[in-house]
Amino acid sequence: MSIQDTIKQQVTGNKVVLYMKGTPQFPQCGFSSNAANILKACGVTEYLSVNVLADPEIRQGIKEYSSWPTIPQLYVNGEFVGGSDIMTEMYQKGELQKMLGA
């Protein structure tokens, strides 16, 4: 199985997936911390978080998968939503809460 197949499986097999640096408990960058905090604020407790620092193949592969150059990356229902800035903007407008079913 290729790294792209692995990523596709993660994204399509889970309602919410956050590719981030570190973990929700111990984020390794401010943007990843912000993304995890937004999910928490939306009441999302069950989601797959993938630490890209633990796997260089995924770290590179996810950028190719989404054609998006930065981490974190949020996926909801198999669709790429965006990174920390987009999540913040959508959260402030109430759009992310609707998407996540909060």
Protein backbone atom coordinates (compact mmCIF):
# COMPACT_ATOMS: atom_id res chain seq x y z
CA MET A 1 0.00 0.00 0.00
CA SER A 2 1.35 3.43 -0.96
CA ILE A 3 1.48 6.38 1.43
CA GLN A 4 -1.30 7.99 -0.62
CA ASP A 5 -3.47 4.88 -0.07
CA THR A 6 -2.76 5.04 3.67
CA ILE A 7 -3.74 8.71 3.81
CA LYS A 8 -6.88 8.10 1.75
CA GLN A 9 -7.84 5.29 4.13
CA GLN A 10 -7.33 7.56 7.16
CA VAL A 11 -9.28 10.44 5.62
CA THR A 12 -12.21 8.36 4.35
CA GLY A 13 -12.35 5.95 7.30
CA ASN A 14 -12.79 8.64 9.99
CA LYS A 15 -15.33 11.46 10.27
CA VAL A 16 -12.72 13.97 11.46
CA VAL A 17 -8.97 13.74 10.83
CA LEU A 18 -6.37 16.29 11.90
CA TYR A 19 -2.85 16.01 10.51
CA MET A 20 -0.72 17.97 12.94
CA LYS A 21 2.74 18.43 14.42
CA GLY A 22 2.65 16.57 17.70
CA THR A 23 -0.52 15.33 19.40
CA PRO A 24 -3.63 17.12 20.70
CA GLN A 25 -2.24 16.67 24.24
CA PHE A 26 1.28 17.79 23.27
CA PRO A 27 1.21 19.91 20.11
CA GLN A 28 4.62 20.75 18.66
CA CYS A 29 3.67 24.05 16.99
CA GLY A 30 1.31 26.92 17.63
CA PHE A 31 -0.79 26.30 14.53
CA SER A 32 -1.33 22.64 15.47
CA SER A 33 -2.20 23.68 19.01
CA ASN A 34 -4.72 26.19 17.66
CA ALA A 35 -6.31 23.56 15.38
CA ALA A 36 -6.67 21.04 18.23
CA ASN A 37 -8.13 23.73 20.51
CA ILE A 38 -10.70 24.73 17.87
CA LEU A 39 -11.86 21.11 17.54
CA LYS A 40 -12.15 20.95 21.32
CA ALA A 41 -14.13 24.22 21.37
CA CYS A 42 -16.47 22.70 18.77
CA GLY A 43 -17.09 19.79 21.13
CA VAL A 44 -15.20 17.27 18.98
CA THR A 45 -13.58 14.74 21.28
CA GLU A 46 -13.38 11.72 18.97
CA TYR A 47 -11.15 12.23 15.97
CA LEU A 48 -8.06 10.76 14.38
CA SER A 49 -5.00 12.90 14.94
CA VAL A 50 -1.93 12.03 12.92
CA ASN A 51 1.44 13.29 14.17
CA VAL A 52 3.33 14.11 10.96
CA LEU A 53 6.58 14.53 12.91
CA ALA A 54 6.49 10.80 13.70
CA ASP A 55 6.35 9.81 10.01
CA PRO A 56 8.26 11.79 7.35
CA GLU A 57 6.44 9.86 4.59
CA ILE A 58 3.06 11.05 5.84
CA ARG A 59 4.42 14.55 6.45
CA GLN A 60 5.34 14.81 2.76
CA GLY A 61 2.48 12.64 1.49
CA ILE A 62 -0.29 14.71 3.04
CA LYS A 63 1.00 17.86 1.33
CA GLU A 64 0.77 16.04 -2.01
CA TYR A 65 -2.60 14.47 -1.16
CA SER A 66 -4.23 17.85 -0.48
CA SER A 67 -2.01 20.03 -2.68
CA TRP A 68 -1.71 22.18 0.45
CA PRO A 69 1.84 23.06 1.59
CA THR A 70 1.36 23.44 5.34
CA ILE A 71 0.44 21.46 8.45
CA PRO A 72 -2.00 21.23 10.24
CA GLN A 73 -4.65 19.99 7.83
CA LEU A 74 -8.23 19.20 8.79
CA TYR A 75 -10.46 16.71 6.98
CA VAL A 76 -14.16 16.28 7.71
CA ASN A 77 -16.19 13.49 6.08
CA GLY A 78 -13.33 12.80 3.66
CA GLU A 79 -13.09 16.42 2.48
CA PHE A 80 -10.11 18.70 2.97
CA VAL A 81 -11.24 21.71 5.02
CA GLY A 82 -8.01 23.66 5.46
CA GLY A 83 -5.31 24.64 7.88
CA SER A 84 -5.21 26.64 11.09
CA ASP A 85 -6.13 30.03 9.53
CA ILE A 86 -9.10 28.63 7.61
CA MET A 87 -10.27 26.70 10.69
CA THR A 88 -10.08 29.88 12.80
CA GLU A 89 -12.03 31.90 10.22
CA MET A 90 -14.70 29.19 9.84
CA TYR A 91 -14.96 28.79 13.62
CA GLN A 92 -15.47 32.54 14.13
CA LYS A 93 -18.26 32.52 11.51
CA GLY A 94 -19.90 29.45 13.06
CA GLU A 95 -19.37 27.42 9.86
CA LEU A 96 -17.02 24.86 11.35
CA GLN A 97 -19.42 24.05 14.19
CA LYS A 98 -22.17 23.33 11.61
CA MET A 99 -19.82 21.18 9.52
CA LEU A 100 -18.78 19.21 12.60
CA GLY A 101 -22.37 18.88 13.76
CA ALA A 102 -21.75 20.77 17.01
